[in-house]
Amino acid sequence: MQAVALVTEAGRTVASVANEMGVHENTMYKWVTAANKRGGNAFPGKGNHQPLSTEEQLRRRITELEKENDFLKKVSAYFAKNRP
């Protein structure tokens, strides 16, 4: 939040603050954008993450299930070919 404040309140450039903080400019731009959208809730810290939307939860679950399915296909193909 201090780095974002240097840009938004002190009027410094994103490039100068990013360079001073040792982060990439794109990261600094993302931080400023997040702070503008969510204010004090932009950086919740450990244990206070923003809750995932239902859609995001479902997408993650689909990805997890697809990985499990691929693994099971590989295992069943392995055992099918090594059958006496």
PDB file of N, CA and C in Angstrom:
ATOM      1  N   MET A   1       0.825  -1.189   0.000  1.00  0.00           N
ATOM      2  CA  MET A   1       0.000   0.000   0.000  1.00  0.00           C
ATOM      3  C   MET A   1       0.870   1.254   0.000  1.00  0.00           C
ATOM      4  N   GLN A   2       2.038   1.169   0.622  1.00  0.00           N
ATOM      5  CA  GLN A   2       2.920   2.330   0.653  1.00  0.00           C
ATOM      6  C   GLN A   2       3.439   2.645  -0.745  1.00  0.00           C
ATOM      7  N   ALA A   3       3.763   1.611  -1.503  1.00  0.00           N
ATOM      8  CA  ALA A   3       4.248   1.827  -2.868  1.00  0.00           C
ATOM      9  C   ALA A   3       3.150   2.438  -3.724  1.00  0.00           C
ATOM     10  N   VAL A   4       1.941   1.956  -3.562  1.00  0.00           N
ATOM     11  CA  VAL A   4       0.803   2.504  -4.316  1.00  0.00           C
ATOM     12  C   VAL A   4       0.564   3.956  -3.915  1.00  0.00           C
ATOM     13  N   ALA A   5       0.698   4.254  -2.635  1.00  0.00           N
ATOM     14  CA  ALA A   5       0.503   5.625  -2.166  1.00  0.00           C
ATOM     15  C   ALA A   5       1.526   6.571  -2.771  1.00  0.00           C
ATOM     16  N   LEU A   6       2.742   6.087  -2.988  1.00  0.00           N
ATOM     17  CA  LEU A   6       3.752   6.947  -3.624  1.00  0.00           C
ATOM     18  C   LEU A   6       3.323   7.354  -5.027  1.00  0.00           C
ATOM     19  N   VAL A   7       2.621   6.450  -5.700  1.00  0.00           N
ATOM     20  CA  VAL A   7       2.157   6.756  -7.067  1.00  0.00           C
ATOM     21  C   VAL A   7       0.902   7.609  -7.022  1.00  0.00           C
ATOM     22  N   THR A   8      -0.078   7.176  -6.232  1.00  0.00           N
ATOM     23  CA  THR A   8      -1.384   7.838  -6.258  1.00  0.00           C
ATOM     24  C   THR A   8      -1.433   9.141  -5.473  1.00  0.00           C
ATOM     25  N   GLU A   9      -0.729   9.196  -4.358  1.00  0.00           N
ATOM     26  CA  GLU A   9      -0.823  10.381  -3.509  1.00  0.00           C
ATOM     27  C   GLU A   9       0.364  11.330  -3.662  1.00  0.00           C
ATOM     28  N   ALA A  10       1.568  10.773  -3.812  1.00  0.00           N
ATOM     29  CA  ALA A  10       2.755  11.619  -3.917  1.00  0.00           C
ATOM     30  C   ALA A  10       3.012  12.057  -5.357  1.00  0.00           C
ATOM     31  N   GLY A  11       2.290  11.447  -6.296  1.00  0.00           N
ATOM     32  CA  GLY A  11       2.423  11.868  -7.684  1.00  0.00           C
ATOM     33  C   GLY A  11       3.675  11.364  -8.383  1.00  0.00           C
ATOM     34  N   ARG A  12       4.308  10.365  -7.837  1.00  0.00           N
ATOM     35  CA  ARG A  12       5.505   9.817  -8.481  1.00  0.00           C
ATOM     36  C   ARG A  12       5.095   8.899  -9.618  1.00  0.00           C
ATOM     37  N   THR A  13       6.029   8.668 -10.531  1.00  0.00           N
ATOM     38  CA  THR A  13       5.725   7.799 -11.661  1.00  0.00           C
ATOM     39  C   THR A  13       5.806   6.338 -11.230  1.00  0.00           C
ATOM     40  N   VAL A  14       5.052   5.514 -11.934  1.00  0.00           N
ATOM     41  CA  VAL A  14       5.067   4.077 -11.668  1.00  0.00           C
ATOM     42  C   VAL A  14       6.476   3.532 -11.877  1.00  0.00           C
ATOM     43  N   ALA A  15       7.138   3.989 -12.919  1.00  0.00           N
ATOM     44  CA  ALA A  15       8.483   3.493 -13.237  1.00  0.00           C
ATOM     45  C   ALA A  15       9.462   3.783 -12.110  1.00  0.00           C
ATOM     46  N   SER A  16       9.413   5.003 -11.559  1.00  0.00           N
ATOM     47  CA  SER A  16      10.369   5.350 -10.508  1.00  0.00           C
ATOM     48  C   SER A  16      10.113   4.563  -9.224  1.00  0.00           C
ATOM     49  N   VAL A  17       8.849   4.392  -8.872  1.00  0.00           N
ATOM     50  CA  VAL A  17       8.521   3.635  -7.658  1.00  0.00           C
ATOM     51  C   VAL A  17       8.859   2.165  -7.847  1.00  0.00           C
ATOM     52  N   ALA A  18       8.538   1.615  -9.010  1.00  0.00           N
ATOM     53  CA  ALA A  18       8.848   0.208  -9.285  1.00  0.00           C
ATOM     54  C   ALA A  18      10.347  -0.027  -9.204  1.00  0.00           C
ATOM     55  N   ASN A  19      11.114   0.875  -9.770  1.00  0.00           N
ATOM     56  CA  ASN A  19      12.572   0.756  -9.740  1.00  0.00           C
ATOM     57  C   ASN A  19      13.083   0.821  -8.300  1.00  0.00           C
ATOM     58  N   GLU A  20      12.555   1.737  -7.540  1.00  0.00           N
ATOM     59  CA  GLU A  20      12.982   1.901  -6.151  1.00  0.00           C
ATOM     60  C   GLU A  20      12.626   0.672  -5.301  1.00  0.00           C
ATOM     61  N   MET A  21      11.457   0.093  -5.560  1.00  0.00           N
ATOM     62  CA  MET A  21      10.992  -1.060  -4.781  1.00  0.00           C
ATOM     63  C   MET A  21      11.578  -2.379  -5.286  1.00  0.00           C
ATOM     64  N   GLY A  22      12.154  -2.348  -6.470  1.00  0.00           N
ATOM     65  CA  GLY A  22      12.732  -3.567  -7.021  1.00  0.00           C
ATOM     66  C   GLY A  22      11.708  -4.517  -7.604  1.00  0.00           C
ATOM     67  N   VAL A  23      10.606  -3.973  -8.096  1.00  0.00           N
ATOM     68  CA  VAL A  23       9.584  -4.788  -8.750  1.00  0.00           C
ATOM     69  C   VAL A  23       9.436  -4.332 -10.202  1.00  0.00           C
ATOM     70  N   HIS A  24       8.845  -5.179 -11.001  1.00  0.00           N
ATOM     71  CA  HIS A  24       8.628  -4.845 -12.409  1.00  0.00           C
ATOM     72  C   HIS A  24       7.519  -3.790 -12.504  1.00  0.00           C
ATOM     73  N   GLU A  25       7.603  -2.958 -13.526  1.00  0.00           N
ATOM     74  CA  GLU A  25       6.590  -1.904 -13.710  1.00  0.00           C
ATOM     75  C   GLU A  25       5.185  -2.477 -13.843  1.00  0.00           C
ATOM     76  N   ASN A  26       5.071  -3.611 -14.552  1.00  0.00           N
ATOM     77  CA  ASN A  26       3.743  -4.216 -14.726  1.00  0.00           C
ATOM     78  C   ASN A  26       3.140  -4.608 -13.377  1.00  0.00           C
ATOM     79  N   THR A  27       3.974  -5.098 -12.483  1.00  0.00           N
ATOM     80  CA  THR A  27       3.499  -5.457 -11.145  1.00  0.00           C
ATOM     81  C   THR A  27       2.985  -4.217 -10.429  1.00  0.00           C
ATOM     82  N   MET A  28       3.721  -3.134 -10.559  1.00  0.00           N
ATOM     83  CA  MET A  28       3.316  -1.880  -9.925  1.00  0.00           C
ATOM     84  C   MET A  28       1.988  -1.388 -10.498  1.00  0.00           C
ATOM     85  N   TYR A  29       1.831  -1.478 -11.814  1.00  0.00           N
ATOM     86  CA  TYR A  29       0.569  -1.084 -12.451  1.00  0.00           C
ATOM     87  C   TYR A  29      -0.586  -1.931 -11.922  1.00  0.00           C
ATOM     88  N   LYS A  30      -0.356  -3.240 -11.759  1.00  0.00           N
ATOM     89  CA  LYS A  30      -1.401  -4.130 -11.229  1.00  0.00           C
ATOM     90  C   LYS A  30      -1.780  -3.726  -9.816  1.00  0.00           C
ATOM     91  N   TRP A  31      -0.785  -3.382  -9.003  1.00  0.00           N
ATOM     92  CA  TRP A  31      -1.060  -2.968  -7.630  1.00  0.00           C
ATOM     93  C   TRP A  31      -1.897  -1.695  -7.593  1.00  0.00           C
ATOM     94  N   VAL A  32      -1.530  -0.732  -8.437  1.00  0.00           N
ATOM     95  CA  VAL A  32      -2.266   0.537  -8.474  1.00  0.00           C
ATOM     96  C   VAL A  32      -3.700   0.290  -8.934  1.00  0.00           C
ATOM     97  N   THR A  33      -3.868  -0.542  -9.952  1.00  0.00           N
ATOM     98  CA  THR A  33      -5.204  -0.856 -10.458  1.00  0.00           C
ATOM     99  C   THR A  33      -6.035  -1.550  -9.388  1.00  0.00           C
ATOM    100  N   ALA A  34      -5.438  -2.519  -8.703  1.00  0.00           N
ATOM    101  CA  ALA A  34      -6.154  -3.239  -7.639  1.00  0.00           C
ATOM    102  C   ALA A  34      -6.567  -2.289  -6.526  1.00  0.00           C
ATOM    103  N   ALA A  35      -5.687  -1.387  -6.157  1.00  0.00           N
ATOM    104  CA  ALA A  35      -5.997  -0.427  -5.093  1.00  0.00           C
ATOM    105  C   ALA A  35      -7.112   0.515  -5.521  1.00  0.00           C
ATOM    106  N   ASN A  36      -7.125   0.913  -6.780  1.00  0.00           N
ATOM    107  CA  ASN A  36      -8.180   1.790  -7.274  1.00  0.00           C
ATOM    108  C   ASN A  36      -9.528   1.079  -7.292  1.00  0.00           C
ATOM    109  N   LYS A  37      -9.530  -0.215  -7.612  1.00  0.00           N
ATOM    110  CA  LYS A  37     -10.784  -0.969  -7.689  1.00  0.00           C
ATOM    111  C   LYS A  37     -11.316  -1.365  -6.322  1.00  0.00           C
ATOM    112  N   ARG A  38     -10.422  -1.836  -5.435  1.00  0.00           N
ATOM    113  CA  ARG A  38     -10.872  -2.433  -4.173  1.00  0.00           C
ATOM    114  C   ARG A  38     -10.485  -1.636  -2.941  1.00  0.00           C
ATOM    115  N   GLY A  39      -9.771  -0.567  -3.100  1.00  0.00           N
ATOM    116  CA  GLY A  39      -9.387   0.256  -1.956  1.00  0.00           C
ATOM    117  C   GLY A  39      -8.550  -0.499  -0.944  1.00  0.00           C
ATOM    118  N   GLY A  40      -8.919  -0.426   0.317  1.00  0.00           N
ATOM    119  CA  GLY A  40      -8.187  -1.071   1.392  1.00  0.00           C
ATOM    120  C   GLY A  40      -8.244  -2.588   1.355  1.00  0.00           C
ATOM    121  N   ASN A  41      -9.177  -3.146   0.607  1.00  0.00           N
ATOM    122  CA  ASN A  41      -9.293  -4.601   0.499  1.00  0.00           C
ATOM    123  C   ASN A  41      -8.472  -5.181  -0.641  1.00  0.00           C
ATOM    124  N   ALA A  42      -7.675  -4.367  -1.289  1.00  0.00           N
ATOM    125  CA  ALA A  42      -6.904  -4.825  -2.450  1.00  0.00           C
ATOM    126  C   ALA A  42      -5.821  -5.820  -2.047  1.00  0.00           C
ATOM    127  N   PHE A  43      -5.264  -5.645  -0.873  1.00  0.00           N
ATOM    128  CA  PHE A  43      -4.170  -6.495  -0.415  1.00  0.00           C
ATOM    129  C   PHE A  43      -4.534  -7.053   0.956  1.00  0.00           C
ATOM    130  N   PRO A  44      -5.336  -8.114   0.982  1.00  0.00           N
ATOM    131  CA  PRO A  44      -5.868  -8.605   2.250  1.00  0.00           C
ATOM    132  C   PRO A  44      -4.846  -9.240   3.175  1.00  0.00           C
ATOM    133  N   GLY A  45      -3.735  -9.720   2.665  1.00  0.00           N
ATOM    134  CA  GLY A  45      -2.725 -10.343   3.512  1.00  0.00           C
ATOM    135  C   GLY A  45      -3.000 -11.807   3.756  1.00  0.00           C
ATOM    136  N   LYS A  46      -2.183 -12.410   4.593  1.00  0.00           N
ATOM    137  CA  LYS A  46      -2.292 -13.844   4.875  1.00  0.00           C
ATOM    138  C   LYS A  46      -3.617 -14.173   5.551  1.00  0.00           C
ATOM    139  N   GLY A  47      -4.259 -15.218   5.019  1.00  0.00           N
ATOM    140  CA  GLY A  47      -5.476 -15.709   5.638  1.00  0.00           C
ATOM    141  C   GLY A  47      -6.718 -14.897   5.342  1.00  0.00           C
ATOM    142  N   ASN A  48      -6.583 -13.813   4.619  1.00  0.00           N
ATOM    143  CA  ASN A  48      -7.733 -12.960   4.329  1.00  0.00           C
ATOM    144  C   ASN A  48      -7.934 -12.785   2.829  1.00  0.00           C
ATOM    145  N   HIS A  49      -7.738 -13.847   2.085  1.00  0.00           N
ATOM    146  CA  HIS A  49      -7.832 -13.766   0.633  1.00  0.00           C
ATOM    147  C   HIS A  49      -9.263 -13.478   0.191  1.00  0.00           C
ATOM    148  N   GLN A  50      -9.359 -12.847  -0.955  1.00  0.00           N
ATOM    149  CA  GLN A  50     -10.668 -12.579  -1.527  1.00  0.00           C
ATOM    150  C   GLN A  50     -11.335 -13.916  -1.846  1.00  0.00           C
ATOM    151  N   PRO A  51     -12.596 -14.078  -1.517  1.00  0.00           N
ATOM    152  CA  PRO A  51     -13.266 -15.345  -1.828  1.00  0.00           C
ATOM    153  C   PRO A  51     -13.393 -15.516  -3.341  1.00  0.00           C
ATOM    154  N   LEU A  52     -13.212 -16.746  -3.788  1.00  0.00           N
ATOM    155  CA  LEU A  52     -13.339 -17.027  -5.209  1.00  0.00           C
ATOM    156  C   LEU A  52     -14.808 -17.018  -5.599  1.00  0.00           C
ATOM    157  N   SER A  53     -15.067 -16.575  -6.809  1.00  0.00           N
ATOM    158  CA  SER A  53     -16.437 -16.621  -7.291  1.00  0.00           C
ATOM    159  C   SER A  53     -16.819 -18.076  -7.539  1.00  0.00           C
ATOM    160  N   THR A  54     -18.096 -18.328  -7.606  1.00  0.00           N
ATOM    161  CA  THR A  54     -18.576 -19.685  -7.858  1.00  0.00           C
ATOM    162  C   THR A  54     -18.036 -20.186  -9.181  1.00  0.00           C
ATOM    163  N   GLU A  55     -18.009 -19.317 -10.172  1.00  0.00           N
ATOM    164  CA  GLU A  55     -17.503 -19.709 -11.482  1.00  0.00           C
ATOM    165  C   GLU A  55     -16.030 -20.109 -11.396  1.00  0.00           C
ATOM    166  N   GLU A  56     -15.243 -19.338 -10.668  1.00  0.00           N
ATOM    167  CA  GLU A  56     -13.822 -19.656 -10.519  1.00  0.00           C
ATOM    168  C   GLU A  56     -13.635 -20.967  -9.765  1.00  0.00           C
ATOM    169  N   GLN A  57     -14.440 -21.199  -8.741  1.00  0.00           N
ATOM    170  CA  GLN A  57     -14.372 -22.459  -8.007  1.00  0.00           C
ATOM    171  C   GLN A  57     -14.672 -23.635  -8.928  1.00  0.00           C
ATOM    172  N   LEU A  58     -15.686 -23.475  -9.764  1.00  0.00           N
ATOM    173  CA  LEU A  58     -16.054 -24.548 -10.686  1.00  0.00           C
ATOM    174  C   LEU A  58     -14.971 -24.786 -11.737  1.00  0.00           C
ATOM    175  N   ARG A  59     -14.371 -23.723 -12.231  1.00  0.00           N
ATOM    176  CA  ARG A  59     -13.291 -23.878 -13.210  1.00  0.00           C
ATOM    177  C   ARG A  59     -12.104 -24.629 -12.601  1.00  0.00           C
ATOM    178  N   ARG A  60     -11.760 -24.287 -11.366  1.00  0.00           N
ATOM    179  CA  ARG A  60     -10.648 -24.986 -10.697  1.00  0.00           C
ATOM    180  C   ARG A  60     -10.983 -26.454 -10.470  1.00  0.00           C
ATOM    181  N   ARG A  61     -12.213 -26.725 -10.085  1.00  0.00           N
ATOM    182  CA  ARG A  61     -12.632 -28.111  -9.859  1.00  0.00           C
ATOM    183  C   ARG A  61     -12.604 -28.902 -11.168  1.00  0.00           C
ATOM    184  N   ILE A  62     -13.042 -28.290 -12.255  1.00  0.00           N
ATOM    185  CA  ILE A  62     -13.003 -28.947 -13.567  1.00  0.00           C
ATOM    186  C   ILE A  62     -11.566 -29.283 -13.944  1.00  0.00           C
ATOM    187  N   THR A  63     -10.659 -28.340 -13.751  1.00  0.00           N
ATOM    188  CA  THR A  63      -9.249 -28.569 -14.058  1.00  0.00           C
ATOM    189  C   THR A  63      -8.700 -29.722 -13.230  1.00  0.00           C
ATOM    190  N   GLU A  64      -9.042 -29.741 -11.953  1.00  0.00           N
ATOM    191  CA  GLU A  64      -8.588 -30.816 -11.065  1.00  0.00           C
ATOM    192  C   GLU A  64      -9.115 -32.176 -11.534  1.00  0.00           C
ATOM    193  N   LEU A  65     -10.392 -32.220 -11.883  1.00  0.00           N
ATOM    194  CA  LEU A  65     -10.984 -33.474 -12.337  1.00  0.00           C
ATOM    195  C   LEU A  65     -10.406 -33.937 -13.674  1.00  0.00           C
ATOM    196  N   GLU A  66     -10.110 -32.994 -14.562  1.00  0.00           N
ATOM    197  CA  GLU A  66      -9.495 -33.352 -15.843  1.00  0.00           C
ATOM    198  C   GLU A  66      -8.115 -33.968 -15.632  1.00  0.00           C
ATOM    199  N   LYS A  67      -7.353 -33.416 -14.699  1.00  0.00           N
ATOM    200  CA  LYS A  67      -6.033 -33.974 -14.395  1.00  0.00           C
ATOM    201  C   LYS A  67      -6.162 -35.394 -13.833  1.00  0.00           C
ATOM    202  N   GLU A  68      -7.105 -35.584 -12.928  1.00  0.00           N
ATOM    203  CA  GLU A  68      -7.323 -36.911 -12.359  1.00  0.00           C
ATOM    204  C   GLU A  68      -7.745 -37.898 -13.444  1.00  0.00           C
ATOM    205  N   ASN A  69      -8.612 -37.458 -14.329  1.00  0.00           N
ATOM    206  CA  ASN A  69      -9.088 -38.307 -15.416  1.00  0.00           C
ATOM    207  C   ASN A  69      -7.941 -38.712 -16.342  1.00  0.00           C
ATOM    208  N   ASP A  70      -7.082 -37.771 -16.692  1.00  0.00           N
ATOM    209  CA  ASP A  70      -5.924 -38.076 -17.538  1.00  0.00           C
ATOM    210  C   ASP A  70      -5.008 -39.093 -16.867  1.00  0.00           C
ATOM    211  N   PHE A  71      -4.789 -38.921 -15.580  1.00  0.00           N
ATOM    212  CA  PHE A  71      -3.947 -39.854 -14.841  1.00  0.00           C
ATOM    213  C   PHE A  71      -4.543 -41.260 -14.862  1.00  0.00           C
ATOM    214  N   LEU A  72      -5.847 -41.351 -14.613  1.00  0.00           N
ATOM    215  CA  LEU A  72      -6.498 -42.663 -14.609  1.00  0.00           C
ATOM    216  C   LEU A  72      -6.457 -43.323 -15.991  1.00  0.00           C
ATOM    217  N   LYS A  73      -6.567 -42.537 -17.038  1.00  0.00           N
ATOM    218  CA  LYS A  73      -6.457 -43.087 -18.397  1.00  0.00           C
ATOM    219  C   LYS A  73      -5.067 -43.666 -18.627  1.00  0.00           C
ATOM    220  N   LYS A  74      -4.040 -42.955 -18.194  1.00  0.00           N
ATOM    221  CA  LYS A  74      -2.668 -43.425 -18.375  1.00  0.00           C
ATOM    222  C   LYS A  74      -2.420 -44.700 -17.574  1.00  0.00           C
ATOM    223  N   VAL A  75      -2.908 -44.739 -16.348  1.00  0.00           N
ATOM    224  CA  VAL A  75      -2.715 -45.917 -15.508  1.00  0.00           C
ATOM    225  C   VAL A  75      -3.443 -47.117 -16.090  1.00  0.00           C
ATOM    226  N   SER A  76      -4.667 -46.935 -16.528  1.00  0.00           N
ATOM    227  CA  SER A  76      -5.420 -48.064 -17.087  1.00  0.00           C
ATOM    228  C   SER A  76      -4.788 -48.549 -18.385  1.00  0.00           C
ATOM    229  N   ALA A  77      -4.242 -47.651 -19.208  1.00  0.00           N
ATOM    230  CA  ALA A  77      -3.562 -48.056 -20.437  1.00  0.00           C
ATOM    231  C   ALA A  77      -2.295 -48.835 -20.114  1.00  0.00           C
ATOM    232  N   TYR A  78      -1.584 -48.425 -19.079  1.00  0.00           N
ATOM    233  CA  TYR A  78      -0.363 -49.118 -18.664  1.00  0.00           C
ATOM    234  C   TYR A  78      -0.675 -50.540 -18.225  1.00  0.00           C
ATOM    235  N   PHE A  79      -1.686 -50.688 -17.370  1.00  0.00           N
ATOM    236  CA  PHE A  79      -2.020 -52.017 -16.882  1.00  0.00           C
ATOM    237  C   PHE A  79      -2.627 -52.890 -17.976  1.00  0.00           C
ATOM    238  N   ALA A  80      -3.358 -52.300 -18.910  1.00  0.00           N
ATOM    239  CA  ALA A  80      -3.967 -53.076 -19.999  1.00  0.00           C
ATOM    240  C   ALA A  80      -2.893 -53.648 -20.916  1.00  0.00           C
ATOM    241  N   LYS A  81      -1.838 -52.886 -21.159  1.00  0.00           N
ATOM    242  CA  LYS A  81      -0.800 -53.365 -22.083  1.00  0.00           C
ATOM    243  C   LYS A  81       0.159 -54.356 -21.399  1.00  0.00           C
ATOM    244  N   ASN A  82       0.269 -54.312 -20.079  1.00  0.00           N
ATOM    245  CA  ASN A  82       1.164 -55.210 -19.344  1.00  0.00           C
ATOM    246  C   ASN A  82       0.426 -56.424 -18.786  1.00  0.00           C
ATOM    247  N   ARG A  83      -0.728 -56.711 -19.314  1.00  0.00           N
ATOM    248  CA  ARG A  83      -1.522 -57.848 -18.877  1.00  0.00           C
ATOM    249  C   ARG A  83      -1.000 -59.115 -19.552  1.00  0.00           C
ATOM    250  N   PRO A  84      -0.852 -60.232 -18.810  1.00  0.00           N
ATOM    251  CA  PRO A  84      -0.330 -61.476 -19.434  1.00  0.00           C
ATOM    252  C   PRO A  84      -1.288 -62.134 -20.381  1.00  0.00           C
TER     253      PRO A  84
END
